[in-house]
């Protein structure tokens, strides 16, 4: 009887040793962004955004900017109704059509009496005959490229016509941009008169018929 109990106990210990525990993956690092960030787009409506509904619509769980059946007469922006200062912004984007230029504004503001938005832009597409994905442009303010990756780097990082993951990280005067997990910009603003807060906006650039698609737009305020 004793031998039987001992054998049973040993078998039970061995069995417990190989059975995975219910919280076996609780020691894995928690993704703070996924847990703490907020969705700026609900996948169904444009709630929380303002802009021209002719140029912005919702399709297939994405915000679609622009059209494929007509030229875009001037830049259009769909903007958040809330301002953001320090944040981690992540989204996915792709371009479809003849044109090839769009971008996401941040720390920006509407220009009164115009469709334009003034402020930083995380660029998407091609301009000046070179790829500008992941570049930092100053839209309708200084009107110049503030920082950008080498053209060959931007080209190699991008999956043309497919979804590309984008990230904009703003902390104080520091602005960092990433495309598909690779850093493209590490910029420090030296002008203290440049606002460190503002709206976030989705752009479709004027020009040939084009659609810029945006989805999985999430922000973590820091």
N, C-alpha and C. Protein backbone atom coordinates (compact mmCIF):
# COMPACT_ATOMS: atom_id res chain seq x y z
N UNK A 1 0.82 -1.20 0.00
CA UNK A 1 0.00 0.00 0.00
C UNK A 1 0.86 1.25 0.00
N UNK A 2 1.91 1.24 0.85
CA UNK A 2 2.81 2.39 0.93
C UNK A 2 3.50 2.60 -0.41
N UNK A 3 3.96 1.48 -1.03
CA UNK A 3 4.62 1.60 -2.34
C UNK A 3 3.66 2.20 -3.36
N UNK A 4 2.39 1.78 -3.28
CA UNK A 4 1.40 2.30 -4.23
C UNK A 4 1.22 3.80 -4.05
N UNK A 5 1.14 4.28 -2.79
CA UNK A 5 0.98 5.71 -2.50
C UNK A 5 2.19 6.51 -2.98
N UNK A 6 3.39 5.95 -2.74
CA UNK A 6 4.61 6.63 -3.17
C UNK A 6 4.64 6.76 -4.68
N UNK A 7 4.30 5.69 -5.38
CA UNK A 7 4.30 5.69 -6.84
C UNK A 7 3.29 6.70 -7.37
N UNK A 8 2.11 6.76 -6.69
CA UNK A 8 1.07 7.70 -7.11
C UNK A 8 1.53 9.15 -6.92
N UNK A 9 2.20 9.38 -5.79
CA UNK A 9 2.67 10.73 -5.49
C UNK A 9 3.71 11.19 -6.49
N UNK A 10 4.65 10.30 -6.83
CA UNK A 10 5.68 10.64 -7.81
C UNK A 10 5.05 10.94 -9.16
N UNK A 11 4.08 10.11 -9.56
CA UNK A 11 3.41 10.31 -10.84
C UNK A 11 2.68 11.64 -10.88
N UNK A 12 2.04 11.99 -9.73
CA UNK A 12 1.30 13.25 -9.67
C UNK A 12 2.24 14.44 -9.78
N UNK A 13 3.38 14.39 -9.09
CA UNK A 13 4.36 15.47 -9.16
C UNK A 13 4.88 15.65 -10.58
N UNK A 14 5.20 14.52 -11.24
CA UNK A 14 5.71 14.59 -12.61
C UNK A 14 4.66 15.16 -13.56
N UNK A 15 3.40 14.76 -13.33
CA UNK A 15 2.33 15.24 -14.19
C UNK A 15 2.15 16.75 -14.05
N UNK A 16 2.18 17.25 -12.80
CA UNK A 16 2.04 18.69 -12.56
C UNK A 16 3.19 19.48 -13.15
N UNK A 17 4.37 18.85 -13.20
CA UNK A 17 5.57 19.54 -13.69
C UNK A 17 5.49 19.82 -15.19
N UNK A 18 4.76 18.98 -15.92
CA UNK A 18 4.72 19.15 -17.37
C UNK A 18 3.45 19.82 -17.85
N UNK A 19 2.44 19.96 -16.93
CA UNK A 19 1.20 20.63 -17.34
C UNK A 19 1.39 22.13 -17.25
N UNK A 20 1.16 22.90 -18.33
CA UNK A 20 1.35 24.34 -18.28
C UNK A 20 0.42 24.99 -17.29
N UNK A 21 0.92 25.97 -16.60
CA UNK A 21 0.13 26.70 -15.61
C UNK A 21 -0.81 27.65 -16.34
N UNK A 22 -1.95 27.94 -15.74
CA UNK A 22 -2.96 28.80 -16.36
C UNK A 22 -2.44 30.17 -16.70
N UNK A 23 -1.51 30.72 -15.91
CA UNK A 23 -0.98 32.04 -16.20
C UNK A 23 0.48 31.96 -16.63
N UNK A 24 0.78 30.98 -17.47
CA UNK A 24 2.16 30.72 -17.85
C UNK A 24 2.78 31.89 -18.59
N UNK A 25 1.95 32.67 -19.35
CA UNK A 25 2.55 33.78 -20.08
C UNK A 25 2.36 35.11 -19.37
N UNK A 26 2.06 35.08 -18.07
CA UNK A 26 1.89 36.32 -17.34
C UNK A 26 3.21 37.04 -17.12
N UNK A 27 4.33 36.31 -17.31
CA UNK A 27 5.63 36.94 -17.12
C UNK A 27 6.12 37.61 -18.39
N UNK A 28 5.35 37.54 -19.49
CA UNK A 28 5.73 38.21 -20.71
C UNK A 28 5.50 39.71 -20.56
N UNK A 29 6.33 40.55 -21.19
CA UNK A 29 6.16 42.00 -21.04
C UNK A 29 4.82 42.47 -21.59
N UNK A 30 4.15 43.36 -20.88
CA UNK A 30 2.87 43.89 -21.30
C UNK A 30 3.10 45.06 -22.26
N UNK A 31 2.38 45.08 -23.37
CA UNK A 31 2.49 46.16 -24.34
C UNK A 31 1.71 47.35 -23.80
N UNK A 32 2.43 48.31 -23.22
CA UNK A 32 1.78 49.47 -22.62
C UNK A 32 0.97 50.26 -23.64
N UNK A 33 1.47 50.35 -24.87
CA UNK A 33 0.75 51.12 -25.88
C UNK A 33 -0.61 50.49 -26.16
N UNK A 34 -0.65 49.18 -26.36
CA UNK A 34 -1.91 48.51 -26.66
C UNK A 34 -2.88 48.62 -25.49
N UNK A 35 -2.35 48.63 -24.28
CA UNK A 35 -3.19 48.65 -23.09
C UNK A 35 -3.68 50.05 -22.73
N UNK A 36 -2.86 51.07 -22.98
CA UNK A 36 -3.18 52.42 -22.50
C UNK A 36 -3.61 53.39 -23.60
N UNK A 37 -3.34 53.08 -24.85
CA UNK A 37 -3.65 54.03 -25.92
C UNK A 37 -5.15 54.08 -26.21
N UNK A 38 -5.55 55.17 -26.86
CA UNK A 38 -6.95 55.37 -27.22
C UNK A 38 -7.11 55.38 -28.74
N UNK A 39 -8.19 54.80 -29.21
CA UNK A 39 -8.47 54.79 -30.65
C UNK A 39 -9.01 56.16 -31.06
N UNK A 40 -8.41 56.76 -32.08
CA UNK A 40 -8.92 58.03 -32.61
C UNK A 40 -9.97 57.79 -33.68
N UNK A 41 -10.09 56.57 -34.14
CA UNK A 41 -11.04 56.21 -35.19
C UNK A 41 -11.72 54.91 -34.79
N UNK A 42 -13.06 54.94 -34.78
CA UNK A 42 -13.82 53.77 -34.31
C UNK A 42 -14.03 52.72 -35.39
N UNK A 43 -13.55 52.97 -36.61
CA UNK A 43 -13.69 52.00 -37.69
C UNK A 43 -15.00 52.07 -38.44
N UNK A 44 -15.93 52.93 -37.98
CA UNK A 44 -17.24 53.00 -38.60
C UNK A 44 -17.70 54.41 -38.94
N UNK A 45 -17.31 55.39 -38.11
CA UNK A 45 -17.77 56.76 -38.31
C UNK A 45 -16.58 57.73 -38.22
N UNK A 46 -16.86 59.00 -38.49
CA UNK A 46 -15.85 60.04 -38.36
C UNK A 46 -16.06 60.85 -37.08
N UNK A 47 -16.62 60.20 -36.07
CA UNK A 47 -16.83 60.85 -34.78
C UNK A 47 -15.49 61.28 -34.19
N UNK A 48 -15.43 62.51 -33.70
CA UNK A 48 -14.19 63.04 -33.15
C UNK A 48 -13.31 63.74 -34.17
N UNK A 49 -13.78 63.77 -35.43
CA UNK A 49 -13.03 64.41 -36.51
C UNK A 49 -13.90 65.47 -37.18
N UNK A 50 -13.28 66.45 -37.82
CA UNK A 50 -14.03 67.44 -38.59
C UNK A 50 -13.29 67.71 -39.89
N UNK A 51 -14.07 67.88 -40.98
CA UNK A 51 -13.49 68.11 -42.29
C UNK A 51 -14.55 68.01 -43.37
N UNK A 52 -14.13 68.08 -44.62
CA UNK A 52 -15.04 68.04 -45.76
C UNK A 52 -15.43 66.60 -46.06
N UNK A 53 -16.70 66.28 -45.83
CA UNK A 53 -17.16 64.89 -45.99
C UNK A 53 -17.16 64.44 -47.45
N UNK A 54 -17.02 65.37 -48.38
CA UNK A 54 -16.93 64.96 -49.79
C UNK A 54 -15.60 64.27 -50.06
N UNK A 55 -14.57 64.71 -49.36
CA UNK A 55 -13.23 64.18 -49.60
C UNK A 55 -12.79 63.13 -48.59
N UNK A 56 -13.60 62.91 -47.56
CA UNK A 56 -13.25 61.92 -46.54
C UNK A 56 -14.46 61.04 -46.25
N UNK A 57 -14.24 59.74 -46.22
CA UNK A 57 -15.32 58.79 -45.97
C UNK A 57 -14.74 57.56 -45.28
N UNK A 58 -15.62 56.67 -44.83
CA UNK A 58 -15.20 55.43 -44.17
C UNK A 58 -15.52 54.25 -45.08
N UNK A 59 -14.51 53.42 -45.35
CA UNK A 59 -14.68 52.19 -46.12
C UNK A 59 -13.78 51.11 -45.53
N UNK A 60 -14.32 49.91 -45.39
CA UNK A 60 -13.52 48.75 -44.99
C UNK A 60 -12.69 49.04 -43.73
N UNK A 61 -13.32 49.61 -42.73
CA UNK A 61 -12.68 49.90 -41.44
C UNK A 61 -11.51 50.88 -41.57
N UNK A 62 -11.56 51.73 -42.57
CA UNK A 62 -10.49 52.72 -42.79
C UNK A 62 -11.10 54.06 -43.17
N UNK A 63 -10.33 55.13 -42.90
CA UNK A 63 -10.71 56.45 -43.39
C UNK A 63 -10.05 56.63 -44.76
N UNK A 64 -10.87 56.92 -45.76
CA UNK A 64 -10.38 57.10 -47.12
C UNK A 64 -10.43 58.58 -47.46
N UNK A 65 -9.28 59.14 -47.84
CA UNK A 65 -9.18 60.54 -48.21
C UNK A 65 -8.95 60.65 -49.71
N UNK A 66 -9.71 61.52 -50.37
CA UNK A 66 -9.54 61.70 -51.81
C UNK A 66 -10.48 60.85 -52.64
N UNK A 67 -10.26 60.88 -53.94
CA UNK A 67 -11.09 60.13 -54.88
C UNK A 67 -10.25 59.66 -56.06
N UNK A 68 -10.71 58.59 -56.69
CA UNK A 68 -10.01 58.05 -57.86
C UNK A 68 -10.65 58.50 -59.17
N UNK A 69 -11.79 59.20 -59.09
CA UNK A 69 -12.50 59.58 -60.31
C UNK A 69 -12.41 61.07 -60.63
N UNK A 70 -11.64 61.83 -59.85
CA UNK A 70 -11.47 63.25 -60.16
C UNK A 70 -10.24 63.82 -59.46
N UNK A 71 -9.71 64.89 -60.02
CA UNK A 71 -8.55 65.54 -59.43
C UNK A 71 -8.92 66.19 -58.10
N UNK A 72 -7.94 66.31 -57.23
CA UNK A 72 -8.14 66.99 -55.96
C UNK A 72 -7.71 68.44 -56.16
N UNK A 73 -8.63 69.41 -56.07
CA UNK A 73 -8.30 70.80 -56.43
C UNK A 73 -7.33 71.48 -55.47
N UNK A 74 -7.38 71.12 -54.20
CA UNK A 74 -6.45 71.70 -53.23
C UNK A 74 -6.32 70.74 -52.06
N UNK A 75 -5.32 70.95 -51.24
CA UNK A 75 -5.11 70.08 -50.09
C UNK A 75 -6.35 70.06 -49.21
N UNK A 76 -6.69 68.88 -48.73
CA UNK A 76 -7.81 68.72 -47.80
C UNK A 76 -7.32 67.98 -46.56
N UNK A 77 -7.91 68.33 -45.42
CA UNK A 77 -7.49 67.74 -44.15
C UNK A 77 -8.71 67.34 -43.32
N UNK A 78 -8.66 66.19 -42.73
CA UNK A 78 -9.63 65.75 -41.74
C UNK A 78 -8.93 65.81 -40.39
N UNK A 79 -9.45 66.63 -39.47
CA UNK A 79 -8.72 66.94 -38.24
C UNK A 79 -9.47 66.51 -36.98
N UNK A 80 -8.71 66.19 -35.96
CA UNK A 80 -9.31 65.87 -34.68
C UNK A 80 -9.92 67.13 -34.07
N UNK A 81 -10.91 66.96 -33.23
CA UNK A 81 -11.51 68.09 -32.53
C UNK A 81 -10.78 68.36 -31.22
N UNK A 82 -9.78 67.56 -30.92
CA UNK A 82 -9.02 67.70 -29.68
C UNK A 82 -7.56 68.00 -30.00
N UNK A 83 -6.91 68.75 -29.12
CA UNK A 83 -5.49 69.05 -29.25
C UNK A 83 -4.65 68.01 -28.49
N UNK A 84 -3.42 67.82 -28.95
CA UNK A 84 -2.49 66.88 -28.32
C UNK A 84 -1.12 67.55 -28.25
N UNK A 85 -0.38 67.27 -27.16
CA UNK A 85 0.96 67.85 -27.03
C UNK A 85 2.03 66.78 -27.10
N UNK A 86 2.29 66.08 -25.99
CA UNK A 86 3.25 64.97 -25.99
C UNK A 86 2.48 63.67 -26.18
N UNK A 87 2.89 62.86 -27.16
CA UNK A 87 2.11 61.67 -27.46
C UNK A 87 2.92 60.67 -28.27
N UNK A 88 2.38 59.47 -28.32
CA UNK A 88 2.86 58.40 -29.19
C UNK A 88 1.70 58.06 -30.11
N UNK A 89 1.81 58.43 -31.38
CA UNK A 89 0.75 58.22 -32.37
C UNK A 89 1.15 57.10 -33.31
N UNK A 90 0.25 56.14 -33.49
CA UNK A 90 0.54 55.03 -34.40
C UNK A 90 -0.67 54.81 -35.31
N UNK A 91 -0.38 54.48 -36.57
CA UNK A 91 -1.44 54.26 -37.55
C UNK A 91 -0.87 53.48 -38.72
N UNK A 92 -1.75 53.07 -39.61
CA UNK A 92 -1.35 52.42 -40.85
C UNK A 92 -1.85 53.25 -42.02
N UNK A 93 -1.08 53.29 -43.10
CA UNK A 93 -1.45 54.10 -44.26
C UNK A 93 -1.04 53.42 -45.56
N UNK A 94 -1.79 53.72 -46.62
CA UNK A 94 -1.40 53.28 -47.96
C UNK A 94 -1.96 54.28 -48.97
N UNK A 95 -1.32 54.33 -50.14
CA UNK A 95 -1.74 55.23 -51.21
C UNK A 95 -2.18 54.43 -52.43
N UNK A 96 -3.26 54.91 -53.07
CA UNK A 96 -3.79 54.25 -54.26
C UNK A 96 -4.10 55.34 -55.30
N UNK A 97 -3.78 55.10 -56.56
CA UNK A 97 -4.16 56.03 -57.60
C UNK A 97 -2.98 56.66 -58.33
N UNK A 98 -3.29 57.65 -59.16
CA UNK A 98 -2.28 58.30 -59.98
C UNK A 98 -1.36 59.20 -59.17
N UNK A 99 -1.95 59.94 -58.26
CA UNK A 99 -1.16 60.82 -57.40
C UNK A 99 -0.43 60.02 -56.34
N UNK A 100 0.45 60.67 -55.61
CA UNK A 100 1.25 59.89 -54.66
C UNK A 100 1.76 60.77 -53.53
N UNK A 101 0.81 61.47 -52.88
CA UNK A 101 1.24 62.35 -51.81
C UNK A 101 0.13 62.56 -50.79
N UNK A 102 0.48 62.38 -49.53
CA UNK A 102 -0.45 62.61 -48.43
C UNK A 102 0.40 62.81 -47.17
N UNK A 103 -0.23 62.73 -46.03
CA UNK A 103 0.52 62.90 -44.79
C UNK A 103 -0.38 63.04 -43.60
N UNK A 104 0.22 63.03 -42.43
CA UNK A 104 -0.53 63.18 -41.18
C UNK A 104 0.03 64.37 -40.41
N UNK A 105 -0.83 65.35 -40.17
CA UNK A 105 -0.46 66.54 -39.42
C UNK A 105 -0.46 66.25 -37.91
N UNK A 106 0.37 66.98 -37.18
CA UNK A 106 0.31 66.92 -35.72
C UNK A 106 0.87 68.23 -35.16
N UNK A 107 0.48 68.53 -33.93
CA UNK A 107 0.82 69.82 -33.33
C UNK A 107 0.52 70.94 -34.34
N UNK A 108 -0.66 70.87 -34.94
CA UNK A 108 -1.04 71.77 -36.02
C UNK A 108 -2.31 72.55 -35.68
N UNK A 109 -2.69 73.45 -36.60
CA UNK A 109 -3.93 74.21 -36.44
C UNK A 109 -4.49 74.56 -37.82
N UNK A 110 -5.80 74.76 -37.89
CA UNK A 110 -6.45 75.18 -39.12
C UNK A 110 -6.01 76.60 -39.47
N UNK A 111 -5.87 76.86 -40.78
CA UNK A 111 -5.60 78.21 -41.26
C UNK A 111 -6.94 78.86 -41.57
N UNK A 112 -7.31 79.94 -40.85
CA UNK A 112 -8.62 80.57 -41.06
C UNK A 112 -8.84 80.98 -42.52
N UNK A 113 -10.06 80.71 -43.01
CA UNK A 113 -10.42 81.09 -44.37
C UNK A 113 -9.78 80.24 -45.44
N UNK A 114 -9.26 79.08 -45.08
CA UNK A 114 -8.55 78.23 -46.03
C UNK A 114 -8.81 76.76 -45.70
N UNK A 115 -8.53 75.90 -46.67
CA UNK A 115 -8.59 74.46 -46.38
C UNK A 115 -7.29 73.97 -45.77
N UNK A 116 -6.28 74.85 -45.71
CA UNK A 116 -4.96 74.45 -45.25
C UNK A 116 -4.89 74.26 -43.73
N UNK A 117 -3.87 73.52 -43.34
CA UNK A 117 -3.52 73.31 -41.94
C UNK A 117 -2.05 73.67 -41.78
N UNK A 118 -1.72 74.33 -40.69
CA UNK A 118 -0.35 74.79 -40.45
C UNK A 118 0.27 73.98 -39.31
N UNK A 119 1.45 73.42 -39.58
CA UNK A 119 2.14 72.67 -38.53
C UNK A 119 2.96 71.52 -39.09
N UNK A 120 3.41 70.67 -38.17
CA UNK A 120 4.23 69.53 -38.56
C UNK A 120 3.42 68.51 -39.36
N UNK A 121 4.10 67.86 -40.31
CA UNK A 121 3.47 66.78 -41.06
C UNK A 121 4.42 65.59 -41.18
N UNK A 122 3.90 64.43 -40.85
CA UNK A 122 4.60 63.18 -41.15
C UNK A 122 4.24 62.83 -42.59
N UNK A 123 5.20 62.97 -43.47
CA UNK A 123 4.92 62.87 -44.90
C UNK A 123 4.75 61.43 -45.36
N UNK A 124 3.96 61.30 -46.43
CA UNK A 124 3.67 60.00 -47.04
C UNK A 124 3.68 60.17 -48.55
N UNK A 125 4.41 59.33 -49.27
CA UNK A 125 4.36 59.34 -50.72
C UNK A 125 5.63 59.81 -51.39
N UNK A 126 5.46 60.58 -52.47
CA UNK A 126 6.59 61.07 -53.28
C UNK A 126 6.42 62.57 -53.53
N UNK A 127 7.49 63.30 -53.43
CA UNK A 127 7.51 64.74 -53.75
C UNK A 127 8.90 65.10 -54.23
N UNK A 128 8.98 66.10 -55.10
CA UNK A 128 10.26 66.53 -55.65
C UNK A 128 11.04 65.33 -56.25
N UNK A 129 10.27 64.42 -56.85
CA UNK A 129 10.84 63.25 -57.54
C UNK A 129 11.63 62.32 -56.61
N UNK A 130 11.25 62.30 -55.36
CA UNK A 130 11.90 61.37 -54.43
C UNK A 130 10.88 60.89 -53.39
N UNK A 131 11.06 59.68 -52.86
CA UNK A 131 10.15 59.19 -51.81
C UNK A 131 10.34 59.98 -50.53
N UNK A 132 9.22 60.31 -49.89
CA UNK A 132 9.27 61.10 -48.66
C UNK A 132 8.53 60.42 -47.50
N UNK A 133 8.29 59.14 -47.61
CA UNK A 133 7.66 58.41 -46.51
C UNK A 133 8.50 58.58 -45.24
N UNK A 134 7.84 58.99 -44.17
CA UNK A 134 8.53 59.12 -42.88
C UNK A 134 9.34 60.39 -42.74
N UNK A 135 9.18 61.34 -43.66
CA UNK A 135 9.87 62.63 -43.56
C UNK A 135 9.06 63.58 -42.69
N UNK A 136 9.71 64.63 -42.21
CA UNK A 136 9.06 65.65 -41.38
C UNK A 136 9.02 66.95 -42.17
N UNK A 137 7.80 67.39 -42.52
CA UNK A 137 7.61 68.62 -43.30
C UNK A 137 6.87 69.64 -42.45
N UNK A 138 7.17 70.92 -42.67
CA UNK A 138 6.47 71.99 -41.96
C UNK A 138 5.45 72.61 -42.91
N UNK A 139 4.21 72.16 -42.78
CA UNK A 139 3.13 72.52 -43.70
C UNK A 139 2.60 73.93 -43.43
N UNK A 140 2.57 74.76 -44.49
CA UNK A 140 1.96 76.09 -44.45
C UNK A 140 2.50 76.98 -43.33
N UNK A 141 3.72 76.73 -42.90
CA UNK A 141 4.34 77.56 -41.87
C UNK A 141 5.74 77.95 -42.35
N UNK A 142 6.73 77.13 -42.12
CA UNK A 142 8.04 77.38 -42.70
C UNK A 142 8.15 76.84 -44.12
N UNK A 143 7.19 75.95 -44.45
CA UNK A 143 7.09 75.39 -45.81
C UNK A 143 8.40 74.78 -46.30
N UNK A 144 8.94 73.92 -45.48
CA UNK A 144 10.18 73.25 -45.88
C UNK A 144 10.30 71.91 -45.17
N UNK A 145 11.15 71.05 -45.73
CA UNK A 145 11.42 69.76 -45.12
C UNK A 145 12.36 69.99 -43.94
N UNK A 146 11.95 69.54 -42.76
CA UNK A 146 12.76 69.72 -41.56
C UNK A 146 13.74 68.57 -41.36
N UNK A 147 13.34 67.38 -41.76
CA UNK A 147 14.21 66.19 -41.64
C UNK A 147 13.61 65.09 -42.50
N UNK A 148 14.49 64.27 -43.08
CA UNK A 148 13.99 63.16 -43.89
C UNK A 148 15.07 62.09 -44.05
N UNK A 149 14.66 60.88 -44.29
CA UNK A 149 15.64 59.82 -44.53
C UNK A 149 16.20 59.93 -45.94
N UNK A 150 17.29 59.27 -46.19
CA UNK A 150 17.83 59.21 -47.55
C UNK A 150 16.78 58.57 -48.46
N UNK A 151 16.65 59.04 -49.71
CA UNK A 151 15.62 58.51 -50.62
C UNK A 151 15.64 56.99 -50.75
N UNK A 152 16.84 56.40 -50.79
CA UNK A 152 16.90 54.94 -50.94
C UNK A 152 16.38 54.23 -49.70
N UNK A 153 16.57 54.86 -48.52
CA UNK A 153 16.06 54.28 -47.28
C UNK A 153 14.54 54.31 -47.27
N UNK A 154 13.98 55.47 -47.60
CA UNK A 154 12.52 55.60 -47.64
C UNK A 154 11.90 54.62 -48.63
N UNK A 155 12.54 54.47 -49.78
CA UNK A 155 12.01 53.55 -50.80
C UNK A 155 12.04 52.11 -50.33
N UNK A 156 13.13 51.71 -49.70
CA UNK A 156 13.28 50.32 -49.25
C UNK A 156 12.33 49.97 -48.11
N UNK A 157 11.95 50.96 -47.32
CA UNK A 157 11.10 50.70 -46.15
C UNK A 157 9.64 50.49 -46.52
N UNK A 158 9.21 51.06 -47.63
CA UNK A 158 7.79 51.13 -47.95
C UNK A 158 7.31 49.97 -48.80
N UNK A 159 6.13 49.47 -48.45
CA UNK A 159 5.46 48.45 -49.25
C UNK A 159 4.45 49.18 -50.14
N UNK A 160 4.82 49.39 -51.37
CA UNK A 160 4.02 50.22 -52.27
C UNK A 160 2.64 49.61 -52.52
N UNK A 161 1.61 50.45 -52.36
CA UNK A 161 0.25 50.01 -52.57
C UNK A 161 -0.31 49.13 -51.47
N UNK A 162 0.48 48.90 -50.42
CA UNK A 162 0.04 48.07 -49.30
C UNK A 162 0.05 48.91 -48.01
N UNK A 163 -0.46 48.31 -46.95
CA UNK A 163 -0.49 48.99 -45.67
C UNK A 163 0.92 49.09 -45.10
N UNK A 164 1.24 50.28 -44.59
CA UNK A 164 2.53 50.53 -43.93
C UNK A 164 2.26 51.09 -42.54
N UNK A 165 2.97 50.56 -41.56
CA UNK A 165 2.79 51.04 -40.19
C UNK A 165 3.64 52.29 -39.97
N UNK A 166 3.03 53.28 -39.34
CA UNK A 166 3.69 54.57 -39.10
C UNK A 166 3.61 54.90 -37.60
N UNK A 167 4.63 55.62 -37.13
CA UNK A 167 4.64 56.04 -35.73
C UNK A 167 5.25 57.43 -35.62
N UNK A 168 4.60 58.29 -34.84
CA UNK A 168 5.12 59.63 -34.54
C UNK A 168 5.19 59.76 -33.03
N UNK A 169 6.39 60.02 -32.53
CA UNK A 169 6.63 60.13 -31.09
C UNK A 169 7.08 61.55 -30.77
N UNK A 170 6.27 62.28 -30.01
CA UNK A 170 6.57 63.67 -29.65
C UNK A 170 6.73 63.79 -28.14
N UNK A 171 7.87 64.29 -27.71
CA UNK A 171 8.14 64.53 -26.30
C UNK A 171 8.92 65.83 -26.18
N UNK A 172 8.25 66.88 -25.72
CA UNK A 172 8.90 68.18 -25.64
C UNK A 172 9.33 68.66 -27.00
N UNK A 173 10.60 68.98 -27.15
CA UNK A 173 11.12 69.47 -28.43
C UNK A 173 11.56 68.33 -29.36
N UNK A 174 11.45 67.10 -28.89
CA UNK A 174 11.89 65.95 -29.68
C UNK A 174 10.75 65.36 -30.50
N UNK A 175 11.04 65.12 -31.79
CA UNK A 175 10.08 64.48 -32.68
C UNK A 175 10.78 63.32 -33.39
N UNK A 176 10.22 62.13 -33.26
CA UNK A 176 10.77 60.96 -33.92
C UNK A 176 9.68 60.32 -34.78
N UNK A 177 10.08 59.84 -35.95
CA UNK A 177 9.14 59.20 -36.86
C UNK A 177 9.70 57.83 -37.26
N UNK A 178 8.79 56.86 -37.38
CA UNK A 178 9.17 55.49 -37.74
C UNK A 178 8.26 54.99 -38.86
N UNK A 179 8.82 54.22 -39.77
CA UNK A 179 8.07 53.58 -40.85
C UNK A 179 8.36 52.08 -40.81
N UNK A 180 7.30 51.30 -40.64
CA UNK A 180 7.44 49.84 -40.56
C UNK A 180 8.54 49.43 -39.57
N UNK A 181 8.54 50.10 -38.43
CA UNK A 181 9.45 49.76 -37.35
C UNK A 181 10.84 50.36 -37.43
N UNK A 182 11.16 51.06 -38.50
CA UNK A 182 12.49 51.65 -38.68
C UNK A 182 12.41 53.18 -38.52
N UNK A 183 13.33 53.74 -37.75
CA UNK A 183 13.31 55.17 -37.52
C UNK A 183 13.79 55.92 -38.77
N UNK A 184 13.03 56.96 -39.14
CA UNK A 184 13.37 57.76 -40.31
C UNK A 184 13.74 59.19 -39.93
N UNK A 185 13.26 59.66 -38.78
CA UNK A 185 13.51 61.04 -38.35
C UNK A 185 13.78 61.08 -36.86
N UNK A 186 14.80 61.85 -36.49
CA UNK A 186 15.08 62.17 -35.09
C UNK A 186 15.40 63.66 -35.04
N UNK A 187 14.35 64.46 -34.79
CA UNK A 187 14.45 65.91 -34.94
C UNK A 187 14.22 66.60 -33.61
N UNK A 188 15.00 67.65 -33.36
CA UNK A 188 14.82 68.47 -32.17
C UNK A 188 14.49 69.89 -32.61
N UNK A 189 13.34 70.38 -32.17
CA UNK A 189 12.91 71.73 -32.53
C UNK A 189 13.69 72.76 -31.72
N UNK A 190 14.35 73.68 -32.42
CA UNK A 190 15.17 74.69 -31.75
C UNK A 190 14.45 76.03 -31.58
N UNK A 191 13.34 76.20 -32.30
CA UNK A 191 12.58 77.45 -32.24
C UNK A 191 11.54 77.37 -31.13
N UNK A 192 11.75 78.11 -30.07
CA UNK A 192 10.85 78.07 -28.92
C UNK A 192 9.49 78.70 -29.21
N UNK A 193 9.36 79.39 -30.33
CA UNK A 193 8.08 80.01 -30.68
C UNK A 193 7.14 79.05 -31.41
N UNK A 194 7.65 77.89 -31.78
CA UNK A 194 6.82 76.88 -32.45
C UNK A 194 5.98 76.15 -31.40
N UNK A 195 4.64 76.16 -31.54
CA UNK A 195 3.77 75.51 -30.55
C UNK A 195 4.06 74.01 -30.42
N UNK A 196 4.04 73.53 -29.19
CA UNK A 196 4.28 72.11 -28.94
C UNK A 196 2.97 71.38 -28.65
N UNK A 197 1.89 71.85 -29.26
CA UNK A 197 0.59 71.19 -29.12
C UNK A 197 -0.25 71.53 -30.34
N UNK A 198 -1.34 70.82 -30.52
CA UNK A 198 -2.24 71.11 -31.64
C UNK A 198 -3.03 69.90 -32.06
N UNK A 199 -3.74 70.05 -33.16
CA UNK A 199 -4.60 68.98 -33.66
C UNK A 199 -3.80 67.96 -34.46
N UNK A 200 -4.40 66.81 -34.68
CA UNK A 200 -3.88 65.78 -35.57
C UNK A 200 -4.78 65.78 -36.81
N UNK A 201 -4.18 65.73 -38.00
CA UNK A 201 -4.98 65.79 -39.22
C UNK A 201 -4.51 64.83 -40.29
N UNK A 202 -5.45 64.26 -41.03
CA UNK A 202 -5.16 63.36 -42.14
C UNK A 202 -5.26 64.15 -43.43
N UNK A 203 -4.24 64.09 -44.27
CA UNK A 203 -4.20 64.88 -45.49
C UNK A 203 -4.37 64.05 -46.75
N UNK A 204 -5.02 64.65 -47.74
CA UNK A 204 -4.92 64.21 -49.12
C UNK A 204 -4.41 65.41 -49.90
N UNK A 205 -3.32 65.21 -50.65
CA UNK A 205 -2.68 66.32 -51.34
C UNK A 205 -3.40 66.63 -52.64
N UNK A 206 -3.36 67.90 -53.02
CA UNK A 206 -3.96 68.30 -54.29
C UNK A 206 -3.22 67.62 -55.45
N UNK A 207 -3.94 67.45 -56.57
CA UNK A 207 -3.30 66.86 -57.73
C UNK A 207 -4.14 65.77 -58.39
N UNK A 208 -3.44 64.82 -58.95
CA UNK A 208 -4.09 63.74 -59.69
C UNK A 208 -5.00 62.91 -58.79
N UNK A 209 -5.99 62.22 -59.39
CA UNK A 209 -6.89 61.38 -58.61
C UNK A 209 -6.11 60.39 -57.73
N UNK A 210 -6.38 60.45 -56.45
CA UNK A 210 -5.63 59.65 -55.47
C UNK A 210 -6.51 59.35 -54.27
N UNK A 211 -6.25 58.22 -53.65
CA UNK A 211 -6.85 57.91 -52.35
C UNK A 211 -5.75 57.60 -51.35
N UNK A 212 -5.83 58.22 -50.20
CA UNK A 212 -4.96 57.89 -49.07
C UNK A 212 -5.83 57.18 -48.04
N UNK A 213 -5.44 55.98 -47.68
CA UNK A 213 -6.20 55.17 -46.73
C UNK A 213 -5.48 55.18 -45.38
N UNK A 214 -6.26 55.37 -44.30
CA UNK A 214 -5.72 55.39 -42.94
C UNK A 214 -6.56 54.48 -42.05
N UNK A 215 -5.88 53.70 -41.21
CA UNK A 215 -6.63 52.84 -40.29
C UNK A 215 -5.81 52.59 -39.02
N UNK A 216 -6.46 51.95 -38.04
CA UNK A 216 -5.82 51.61 -36.76
C UNK A 216 -5.08 52.83 -36.18
N UNK A 217 -5.79 53.95 -36.12
CA UNK A 217 -5.21 55.20 -35.63
C UNK A 217 -5.37 55.26 -34.11
N UNK A 218 -4.27 55.18 -33.40
CA UNK A 218 -4.31 55.17 -31.94
C UNK A 218 -3.27 56.13 -31.38
N UNK A 219 -3.58 56.72 -30.23
CA UNK A 219 -2.66 57.67 -29.61
C UNK A 219 -2.56 57.39 -28.12
N UNK A 220 -1.35 57.51 -27.61
CA UNK A 220 -1.08 57.41 -26.19
C UNK A 220 -0.53 58.75 -25.74
N UNK A 221 -1.27 59.46 -24.91
CA UNK A 221 -0.79 60.75 -24.41
C UNK A 221 0.25 60.51 -23.32
N UNK A 222 1.37 61.22 -23.43
CA UNK A 222 2.49 61.00 -22.53
C UNK A 222 2.53 62.06 -21.42
